[in-house]
Amino acid sequence: MKTVLTIAGSDSGGGAGIQADLKTMTAFGIYGTSAVTALTAQNTTGIQSVLPVSPEFLAAQLDSVFSDLPPDAVKIGMVPTPESMRILIDRLRFYRASHIVIDPVMISSSGTPLMSSEAIQLAKEELFPLAQVITPNLPETEFLSGMQIDSDAAREQAATAISMAYGCAVLVKGGHTPGADDLLCAGDTFLWYRGERIENPNTHGTGCTCSSALACGLALGRTLPDAVRGAKAYMNGAIRSGLNLGSGSGPLDHTWCLTPFSP
């Protein structure tokens, strides 16, 4: 069985972060392992509190997983502090991690900052260049490229700038656009994945889920374009299932493609 390591924050509401990642990996038939970067108190209405883990404890988690259960791919999400970011970068280099997928989460969908400015700078300088692909949404793409995006051509230009800056592929997610079209920029090649707008207000954790699904595809030996295609199909199914939990923006149905166990 293939394994994928998720390095991210814990979501007590179960819709994003470590919890969403592990559910996604299970749906793909992947054995998921985790290194928790922060504990969050959150639900469908937002994040109430964030408690970063110590850099030493993050290092211990990473050493435990890499030394015994070496991952076939790594998904990275929330890394809130520069100290933890330095530890992460050091351990990824030491263990020569491959198939690294980075979801550059800097601000939550409810508006809560998830990374310090120093951690963001470290990510741009040293973490992103280790990635095979990063998966920014539209606002994150504008932030990383310094460009305003108002057309497909502008999105291609911004994706190219990010790819050249960090030496990795870029999947610009289209969830903030009317057509939900995604763009993969790999080198000088553009691949558009035309989508559909699925009417469902419950989309908490879509970024975490997409990046985890992409990491699963890479762990299974799929090409990057095929892994993106599979991640998008899984995402669409999870949204279309129409799970409705909580009083705010609810989670996806990560198990939409699984048959419940009945003893």
C-alpha atoms as a PDB file:
ATOM      1  CA  MET A   1       0.000   0.000   0.000  1.00  0.00           C
ATOM      2  CA  LYS A   2       1.241   3.476  -0.865  1.00  0.00           C
ATOM      3  CA  THR A   3       1.665   6.062   1.892  1.00  0.00           C
ATOM      4  CA  VAL A   4       1.213   9.823   1.982  1.00  0.00           C
ATOM      5  CA  LEU A   5       2.309  12.138   4.791  1.00  0.00           C
ATOM      6  CA  THR A   6       0.224  15.203   5.576  1.00  0.00           C
ATOM      7  CA  ILE A   7       1.930  18.055   7.410  1.00  0.00           C
ATOM      8  CA  ALA A   8      -0.770  20.493   8.456  1.00  0.00           C
ATOM      9  CA  GLY A   9      -2.952  21.836  11.245  1.00  0.00           C
ATOM     10  CA  SER A  10      -5.626  19.868  13.046  1.00  0.00           C
ATOM     11  CA  ASP A  11      -9.260  20.916  12.477  1.00  0.00           C
ATOM     12  CA  SER A  12     -11.460  20.028  15.465  1.00  0.00           C
ATOM     13  CA  GLY A  13     -14.496  20.348  13.179  1.00  0.00           C
ATOM     14  CA  GLY A  14     -13.099  17.642  10.893  1.00  0.00           C
ATOM     15  CA  GLY A  15     -13.656  19.484   7.624  1.00  0.00           C
ATOM     16  CA  ALA A  16     -10.157  20.700   6.778  1.00  0.00           C
ATOM     17  CA  GLY A  17      -6.533  20.192   7.745  1.00  0.00           C
ATOM     18  CA  ILE A  18      -5.232  16.842   8.961  1.00  0.00           C
ATOM     19  CA  GLN A  19      -8.706  15.353   9.294  1.00  0.00           C
ATOM     20  CA  ALA A  20      -9.753  16.178   5.723  1.00  0.00           C
ATOM     21  CA  ASP A  21      -6.400  14.964   4.424  1.00  0.00           C
ATOM     22  CA  LEU A  22      -6.618  11.560   6.106  1.00  0.00           C
ATOM     23  CA  LYS A  23     -10.212  11.037   4.951  1.00  0.00           C
ATOM     24  CA  THR A  24      -9.172  11.858   1.398  1.00  0.00           C
ATOM     25  CA  MET A  25      -6.256   9.436   1.545  1.00  0.00           C
ATOM     26  CA  THR A  26      -8.554   6.679   2.783  1.00  0.00           C
ATOM     27  CA  ALA A  27     -10.885   7.303  -0.161  1.00  0.00           C
ATOM     28  CA  PHE A  28      -7.921   6.866  -2.538  1.00  0.00           C
ATOM     29  CA  GLY A  29      -6.816   3.609  -0.902  1.00  0.00           C
ATOM     30  CA  ILE A  30      -3.741   5.303   0.545  1.00  0.00           C
ATOM     31  CA  TYR A  31      -2.277   4.786   4.018  1.00  0.00           C
ATOM     32  CA  GLY A  32      -2.127   8.267   5.541  1.00  0.00           C
ATOM     33  CA  THR A  33       0.350   9.467   8.147  1.00  0.00           C
ATOM     34  CA  SER A  34       0.502  12.911   9.735  1.00  0.00           C
ATOM     35  CA  ALA A  35       2.631  15.531  11.436  1.00  0.00           C
ATOM     36  CA  VAL A  36       0.507  18.156  13.193  1.00  0.00           C
ATOM     37  CA  THR A  37       1.806  21.728  12.987  1.00  0.00           C
ATOM     38  CA  ALA A  38      -0.936  23.362  15.056  1.00  0.00           C
ATOM     39  CA  LEU A  39      -4.095  22.604  16.972  1.00  0.00           C
ATOM     40  CA  THR A  40      -7.142  24.655  16.073  1.00  0.00           C
ATOM     41  CA  ALA A  41     -10.475  25.077  17.778  1.00  0.00           C
ATOM     42  CA  GLN A  42     -12.840  25.486  14.866  1.00  0.00           C
ATOM     43  CA  ASN A  43     -16.192  24.496  13.447  1.00  0.00           C
ATOM     44  CA  THR A  44     -18.272  25.392  10.403  1.00  0.00           C
ATOM     45  CA  THR A  45     -18.596  29.027  11.549  1.00  0.00           C
ATOM     46  CA  GLY A  46     -14.865  29.726  11.711  1.00  0.00           C
ATOM     47  CA  ILE A  47     -11.680  29.369  13.765  1.00  0.00           C
ATOM     48  CA  GLN A  48     -11.937  30.254  17.432  1.00  0.00           C
ATOM     49  CA  SER A  49      -8.360  29.551  18.540  1.00  0.00           C
ATOM     50  CA  VAL A  50      -4.984  28.383  17.190  1.00  0.00           C
ATOM     51  CA  LEU A  51      -2.216  26.709  19.220  1.00  0.00           C
ATOM     52  CA  PRO A  52       0.999  26.006  17.260  1.00  0.00           C
ATOM     53  CA  VAL A  53       2.950  22.912  18.302  1.00  0.00           C
ATOM     54  CA  SER A  54       6.563  23.400  19.359  1.00  0.00           C
ATOM     55  CA  PRO A  55       9.236  23.100  16.666  1.00  0.00           C
ATOM     56  CA  GLU A  56      10.833  20.299  18.681  1.00  0.00           C
ATOM     57  CA  PHE A  57       7.620  18.276  18.712  1.00  0.00           C
ATOM     58  CA  LEU A  58       7.081  18.842  14.992  1.00  0.00           C
ATOM     59  CA  ALA A  59      10.621  17.566  14.377  1.00  0.00           C
ATOM     60  CA  ALA A  60       9.909  14.490  16.506  1.00  0.00           C
ATOM     61  CA  GLN A  61       6.766  13.706  14.503  1.00  0.00           C
ATOM     62  CA  LEU A  62       8.579  14.084  11.196  1.00  0.00           C
ATOM     63  CA  ASP A  63      11.469  11.883  12.312  1.00  0.00           C
ATOM     64  CA  SER A  64       9.051   9.226  13.572  1.00  0.00           C
ATOM     65  CA  VAL A  65       7.219   9.018  10.252  1.00  0.00           C
ATOM     66  CA  PHE A  66      10.132   9.337   7.840  1.00  0.00           C
ATOM     67  CA  SER A  67      12.317   6.840   9.718  1.00  0.00           C
ATOM     68  CA  ASP A  68       9.696   4.078   9.803  1.00  0.00           C
ATOM     69  CA  LEU A  69       6.944   4.838   7.278  1.00  0.00           C
ATOM     70  CA  PRO A  70       8.666   6.745   4.461  1.00  0.00           C
ATOM     71  CA  PRO A  71       5.978   8.463   2.387  1.00  0.00           C
ATOM     72  CA  ASP A  72       5.516   8.105  -1.349  1.00  0.00           C
ATOM     73  CA  ALA A  73       4.271  11.704  -1.413  1.00  0.00           C
ATOM     74  CA  VAL A  74       3.997  14.604   1.017  1.00  0.00           C
ATOM     75  CA  LYS A  75       1.186  17.137   1.339  1.00  0.00           C
ATOM     76  CA  ILE A  76       1.953  20.364   3.212  1.00  0.00           C
ATOM     77  CA  GLY A  77      -0.651  22.796   4.458  1.00  0.00           C
ATOM     78  CA  MET A  78      -0.644  25.164   7.429  1.00  0.00           C
ATOM     79  CA  VAL A  79       2.799  25.870   8.941  1.00  0.00           C
ATOM     80  CA  PRO A  80       2.149  28.858  11.228  1.00  0.00           C
ATOM     81  CA  THR A  81       5.546  29.871  12.658  1.00  0.00           C
ATOM     82  CA  PRO A  82       9.000  30.532  11.186  1.00  0.00           C
ATOM     83  CA  GLU A  83      10.555  28.154  13.724  1.00  0.00           C
ATOM     84  CA  SER A  84       8.367  25.280  12.531  1.00  0.00           C
ATOM     85  CA  MET A  85       8.974  26.274   8.922  1.00  0.00           C
ATOM     86  CA  ARG A  86      12.741  26.003   9.432  1.00  0.00           C
ATOM     87  CA  ILE A  87      12.368  22.566  11.022  1.00  0.00           C
ATOM     88  CA  LEU A  88      10.151  21.395   8.167  1.00  0.00           C
ATOM     89  CA  ILE A  89      12.525  22.593   5.466  1.00  0.00           C
ATOM     90  CA  ASP A  90      15.484  20.947   7.231  1.00  0.00           C
ATOM     91  CA  ARG A  91      13.701  17.577   7.631  1.00  0.00           C
ATOM     92  CA  LEU A  92      12.405  17.507   4.052  1.00  0.00           C
ATOM     93  CA  ARG A  93      15.923  18.054   2.782  1.00  0.00           C
ATOM     94  CA  PHE A  94      17.456  15.537   5.191  1.00  0.00           C
ATOM     95  CA  TYR A  95      15.055  12.763   4.183  1.00  0.00           C
ATOM     96  CA  ARG A  96      15.076  13.788   0.501  1.00  0.00           C
ATOM     97  CA  ALA A  97      11.296  13.830   0.371  1.00  0.00           C
ATOM     98  CA  SER A  98       9.739  13.548  -3.074  1.00  0.00           C
ATOM     99  CA  HIS A  99       6.408  14.325  -4.691  1.00  0.00           C
ATOM    100  CA  ILE A 100       5.851  17.309  -2.409  1.00  0.00           C
ATOM    101  CA  VAL A 101       2.496  19.068  -2.854  1.00  0.00           C
ATOM    102  CA  ILE A 102       2.104  22.410  -1.097  1.00  0.00           C
ATOM    103  CA  ASP A 103      -1.197  24.117  -0.395  1.00  0.00           C
ATOM    104  CA  PRO A 104       0.018  27.657   0.430  1.00  0.00           C
ATOM    105  CA  VAL A 105      -2.607  28.399   3.084  1.00  0.00           C
ATOM    106  CA  MET A 106      -1.902  31.831   4.513  1.00  0.00           C
ATOM    107  CA  ILE A 107      -5.399  32.967   5.499  1.00  0.00           C
ATOM    108  CA  SER A 108      -8.389  30.747   6.292  1.00  0.00           C
ATOM    109  CA  SER A 109     -11.617  31.044   4.311  1.00  0.00           C
ATOM    110  CA  SER A 110     -13.124  32.742   7.391  1.00  0.00           C
ATOM    111  CA  GLY A 111     -10.346  35.362   7.396  1.00  0.00           C
ATOM    112  CA  THR A 112      -8.092  34.045  10.180  1.00  0.00           C
ATOM    113  CA  PRO A 113      -4.320  34.454   9.507  1.00  0.00           C
ATOM    114  CA  LEU A 114      -2.689  30.995   9.452  1.00  0.00           C
ATOM    115  CA  MET A 115       0.959  31.941   8.888  1.00  0.00           C
ATOM    116  CA  SER A 116       3.149  34.723  10.204  1.00  0.00           C
ATOM    117  CA  SER A 117       4.741  37.078   7.688  1.00  0.00           C
ATOM    118  CA  GLU A 118       8.179  35.620   8.474  1.00  0.00           C
ATOM    119  CA  ALA A 119       6.898  32.070   7.906  1.00  0.00           C
ATOM    120  CA  ILE A 120       5.448  33.143   4.559  1.00  0.00           C
ATOM    121  CA  GLN A 121       8.779  34.642   3.527  1.00  0.00           C
ATOM    122  CA  LEU A 122      10.622  31.459   4.497  1.00  0.00           C
ATOM    123  CA  ALA A 123       8.135  29.389   2.529  1.00  0.00           C
ATOM    124  CA  LYS A 124       8.707  31.511  -0.565  1.00  0.00           C
ATOM    125  CA  GLU A 125      12.498  31.428  -0.242  1.00  0.00           C
ATOM    126  CA  GLU A 126      13.143  27.818   0.810  1.00  0.00           C
ATOM    127  CA  LEU A 127      10.019  25.629   0.957  1.00  0.00           C
ATOM    128  CA  PHE A 128       8.310  26.245  -2.372  1.00  0.00           C
ATOM    129  CA  PRO A 129      11.471  25.380  -4.367  1.00  0.00           C
ATOM    130  CA  LEU A 130      11.309  21.875  -2.811  1.00  0.00           C
ATOM    131  CA  ALA A 131       7.828  21.257  -4.196  1.00  0.00           C
ATOM    132  CA  GLN A 132       6.766  19.326  -7.253  1.00  0.00           C
ATOM    133  CA  VAL A 133       3.628  21.443  -7.364  1.00  0.00           C
ATOM    134  CA  ILE A 134       1.958  24.167  -5.319  1.00  0.00           C
ATOM    135  CA  THR A 135      -1.817  24.686  -5.363  1.00  0.00           C
ATOM    136  CA  PRO A 136      -2.800  28.315  -4.710  1.00  0.00           C
ATOM    137  CA  ASN A 137      -6.352  29.574  -5.075  1.00  0.00           C
ATOM    138  CA  LEU A 138      -6.964  32.811  -6.951  1.00  0.00           C
ATOM    139  CA  PRO A 139      -6.279  35.264  -4.067  1.00  0.00           C
ATOM    140  CA  GLU A 140      -3.138  33.325  -3.129  1.00  0.00           C
ATOM    141  CA  THR A 141      -2.025  33.391  -6.769  1.00  0.00           C
ATOM    142  CA  GLU A 142      -2.441  37.155  -6.869  1.00  0.00           C
ATOM    143  CA  PHE A 143      -0.457  37.483  -3.626  1.00  0.00           C
ATOM    144  CA  LEU A 144       2.403  35.237  -4.761  1.00  0.00           C
ATOM    145  CA  SER A 145       2.644  36.739  -8.247  1.00  0.00           C
ATOM    146  CA  GLY A 146       1.935  40.355  -7.323  1.00  0.00           C
ATOM    147  CA  MET A 147      -0.507  40.498 -10.233  1.00  0.00           C
ATOM    148  CA  GLN A 148      -4.202  41.223 -10.515  1.00  0.00           C
ATOM    149  CA  ILE A 149      -6.003  38.383 -12.281  1.00  0.00           C
ATOM    150  CA  ASP A 150      -9.071  39.267 -14.329  1.00  0.00           C
ATOM    151  CA  SER A 151      -8.817  36.876 -17.284  1.00  0.00           C
ATOM    152  CA  ASP A 152      -7.543  33.465 -18.361  1.00  0.00           C
ATOM    153  CA  ALA A 153      -4.523  35.126 -19.953  1.00  0.00           C
ATOM    154  CA  ALA A 154      -3.712  36.935 -16.715  1.00  0.00           C
ATOM    155  CA  ARG A 155      -3.978  33.668 -14.809  1.00  0.00           C
ATOM    156  CA  GLU A 156      -1.529  32.021 -17.195  1.00  0.00           C
ATOM    157  CA  GLN A 157       0.859  34.956 -16.806  1.00  0.00           C
ATOM    158  CA  ALA A 158       0.660  34.816 -12.999  1.00  0.00           C
ATOM    159  CA  ALA A 159       1.108  31.028 -12.929  1.00  0.00           C
ATOM    160  CA  THR A 160       4.169  31.329 -15.162  1.00  0.00           C
ATOM    161  CA  ALA A 161       5.695  33.950 -12.880  1.00  0.00           C
ATOM    162  CA  ILE A 162       5.192  31.726  -9.814  1.00  0.00           C
ATOM    163  CA  SER A 163       6.513  28.630 -11.586  1.00  0.00           C
ATOM    164  CA  MET A 164       9.640  30.449 -12.723  1.00  0.00           C
ATOM    165  CA  ALA A 165      10.200  31.988  -9.296  1.00  0.00           C
ATOM    166  CA  TYR A 166      10.096  28.680  -7.421  1.00  0.00           C
ATOM    167  CA  GLY A 167      11.005  26.110 -10.050  1.00  0.00           C
ATOM    168  CA  CYS A 168       7.906  23.987  -9.591  1.00  0.00           C
ATOM    169  CA  ALA A 169       4.587  23.352 -11.269  1.00  0.00           C
ATOM    170  CA  VAL A 170       1.597  25.468 -10.235  1.00  0.00           C
ATOM    171  CA  LEU A 171      -2.051  24.462 -10.061  1.00  0.00           C
ATOM    172  CA  VAL A 172      -4.158  27.608  -9.874  1.00  0.00           C
ATOM    173  CA  LYS A 173      -7.495  26.512  -8.467  1.00  0.00           C
ATOM    174  CA  GLY A 174     -10.597  28.086  -9.923  1.00  0.00           C
ATOM    175  CA  GLY A 175     -13.023  27.858  -7.022  1.00  0.00           C
ATOM    176  CA  HIS A 176     -13.251  31.639  -6.855  1.00  0.00           C
ATOM    177  CA  THR A 177     -14.266  31.910 -10.525  1.00  0.00           C
ATOM    178  CA  PRO A 178     -17.722  31.435 -12.088  1.00  0.00           C
ATOM    179  CA  GLY A 179     -16.673  28.383 -14.097  1.00  0.00           C
ATOM    180  CA  ALA A 180     -14.489  26.733 -11.426  1.00  0.00           C
ATOM    181  CA  ASP A 181     -11.805  26.151 -14.064  1.00  0.00           C
ATOM    182  CA  ASP A 182      -8.363  25.030 -12.851  1.00  0.00           C
ATOM    183  CA  LEU A 183      -5.069  25.821 -14.576  1.00  0.00           C
ATOM    184  CA  LEU A 184      -1.937  23.680 -14.396  1.00  0.00           C
ATOM    185  CA  CYS A 185       1.278  25.407 -15.383  1.00  0.00           C
ATOM    186  CA  ALA A 186       4.202  23.003 -15.744  1.00  0.00           C
ATOM    187  CA  GLY A 187       7.253  24.561 -17.317  1.00  0.00           C
ATOM    188  CA  ASP A 188       6.066  26.270 -20.479  1.00  0.00           C
ATOM    189  CA  THR A 189       2.948  24.097 -20.754  1.00  0.00           C
ATOM    190  CA  PHE A 190      -0.577  25.114 -19.773  1.00  0.00           C
ATOM    191  CA  LEU A 191      -3.349  22.628 -19.155  1.00  0.00           C
ATOM    192  CA  TRP A 192      -6.858  23.892 -18.468  1.00  0.00           C
ATOM    193  CA  TYR A 193      -9.302  21.721 -16.561  1.00  0.00           C
ATOM    194  CA  ARG A 194     -12.711  23.124 -17.344  1.00  0.00           C
ATOM    195  CA  GLY A 195     -15.087  22.704 -14.456  1.00  0.00           C
ATOM    196  CA  GLU A 196     -18.651  23.203 -13.424  1.00  0.00           C
ATOM    197  CA  ARG A 197     -20.176  25.364 -10.748  1.00  0.00           C
ATOM    198  CA  ILE A 198     -21.842  22.986  -8.296  1.00  0.00           C
ATOM    199  CA  GLU A 199     -24.366  24.842  -6.183  1.00  0.00           C
ATOM    200  CA  ASN A 200     -23.412  23.902  -2.638  1.00  0.00           C
ATOM    201  CA  PRO A 201     -22.527  26.449   0.080  1.00  0.00           C
ATOM    202  CA  ASN A 202     -20.737  23.785   2.098  1.00  0.00           C
ATOM    203  CA  THR A 203     -17.208  23.862   0.746  1.00  0.00           C
ATOM    204  CA  HIS A 204     -15.072  24.065   3.892  1.00  0.00           C
ATOM    205  CA  GLY A 205     -11.767  22.290   3.335  1.00  0.00           C
ATOM    206  CA  THR A 206     -11.726  22.244  -0.461  1.00  0.00           C
ATOM    207  CA  GLY A 207      -8.112  23.432  -0.657  1.00  0.00           C
ATOM    208  CA  CYS A 208      -6.874  20.806   1.800  1.00  0.00           C
ATOM    209  CA  THR A 209      -8.859  18.105   0.043  1.00  0.00           C
ATOM    210  CA  CYS A 210      -7.632  19.035  -3.434  1.00  0.00           C
ATOM    211  CA  SER A 211      -3.956  19.072  -2.473  1.00  0.00           C
ATOM    212  CA  SER A 212      -4.293  15.774  -0.585  1.00  0.00           C
ATOM    213  CA  ALA A 213      -6.048  14.119  -3.519  1.00  0.00           C
ATOM    214  CA  LEU A 214      -3.301  15.382  -5.818  1.00  0.00           C
ATOM    215  CA  ALA A 215      -0.610  13.949  -3.524  1.00  0.00           C
ATOM    216  CA  CYS A 216      -2.457  10.617  -3.542  1.00  0.00           C
ATOM    217  CA  GLY A 217      -2.424  10.527  -7.332  1.00  0.00           C
ATOM    218  CA  LEU A 218       1.313  11.182  -7.415  1.00  0.00           C
ATOM    219  CA  ALA A 219       1.930   8.512  -4.769  1.00  0.00           C
ATOM    220  CA  LEU A 220       0.032   6.039  -6.948  1.00  0.00           C
ATOM    221  CA  GLY A 221       2.414   6.739  -9.821  1.00  0.00           C
ATOM    222  CA  ARG A 222       0.159   8.922 -11.940  1.00  0.00           C
ATOM    223  CA  THR A 223       1.549  11.737 -14.035  1.00  0.00           C
ATOM    224  CA  LEU A 224       0.963  15.231 -12.702  1.00  0.00           C
ATOM    225  CA  PRO A 225      -1.746  16.044 -15.297  1.00  0.00           C
ATOM    226  CA  ASP A 226      -3.553  12.764 -14.539  1.00  0.00           C
ATOM    227  CA  ALA A 227      -3.210  13.325 -10.780  1.00  0.00           C
ATOM    228  CA  VAL A 228      -4.805  16.757 -11.168  1.00  0.00           C
ATOM    229  CA  ARG A 229      -7.618  15.263 -13.238  1.00  0.00           C
ATOM    230  CA  GLY A 230      -8.281  12.640 -10.574  1.00  0.00           C
ATOM    231  CA  ALA A 231      -8.179  15.186  -7.754  1.00  0.00           C
ATOM    232  CA  LYS A 232     -10.696  17.383  -9.550  1.00  0.00           C
ATOM    233  CA  ALA A 233     -13.053  14.459 -10.153  1.00  0.00           C
ATOM    234  CA  TYR A 234     -12.857  13.445  -6.491  1.00  0.00           C
ATOM    235  CA  MET A 235     -13.491  17.040  -5.387  1.00  0.00           C
ATOM    236  CA  ASN A 236     -16.530  17.376  -7.632  1.00  0.00           C
ATOM    237  CA  GLY A 237     -18.019  14.200  -6.208  1.00  0.00           C
ATOM    238  CA  ALA A 238     -17.404  15.327  -2.633  1.00  0.00           C
ATOM    239  CA  ILE A 239     -19.113  18.673  -3.283  1.00  0.00           C
ATOM    240  CA  ARG A 240     -21.956  17.247  -5.357  1.00  0.00           C
ATOM    241  CA  SER A 241     -22.831  14.756  -2.599  1.00  0.00           C
ATOM    242  CA  GLY A 242     -24.417  17.665  -0.741  1.00  0.00           C
ATOM    243  CA  LEU A 243     -23.404  16.922   2.845  1.00  0.00           C
ATOM    244  CA  ASN A 244     -24.998  19.500   5.161  1.00  0.00           C
ATOM    245  CA  LEU A 245     -23.555  19.706   8.672  1.00  0.00           C
ATOM    246  CA  GLY A 246     -23.273  22.636  11.081  1.00  0.00           C
ATOM    247  CA  SER A 247     -24.677  26.143  10.926  1.00  0.00           C
ATOM    248  CA  GLY A 248     -21.916  27.696   8.781  1.00  0.00           C
ATOM    249  CA  SER A 249     -19.890  26.628   5.764  1.00  0.00           C
ATOM    250  CA  GLY A 250     -19.987  22.876   6.216  1.00  0.00           C
ATOM    251  CA  PRO A 251     -17.498  20.177   5.202  1.00  0.00           C
ATOM    252  CA  LEU A 252     -17.341  18.088   2.065  1.00  0.00           C
ATOM    253  CA  ASP A 253     -18.465  14.486   1.944  1.00  0.00           C
ATOM    254  CA  HIS A 254     -15.027  12.890   1.800  1.00  0.00           C
ATOM    255  CA  THR A 255     -16.474   9.377   1.796  1.00  0.00           C
ATOM    256  CA  TRP A 256     -18.946   9.912  -1.058  1.00  0.00           C
ATOM    257  CA  CYS A 257     -17.273   7.173  -3.094  1.00  0.00           C
ATOM    258  CA  LEU A 258     -17.061   4.608  -0.279  1.00  0.00           C
ATOM    259  CA  THR A 259     -19.595   2.017   0.829  1.00  0.00           C
ATOM    260  CA  PRO A 260     -20.243   2.175   4.603  1.00  0.00           C
ATOM    261  CA  PHE A 261     -19.109  -0.888   6.533  1.00  0.00           C
ATOM    262  CA  SER A 262     -21.972  -3.029   7.756  1.00  0.00           C
ATOM    263  CA  PRO A 263     -20.977  -5.885  10.100  1.00  0.00           C
END
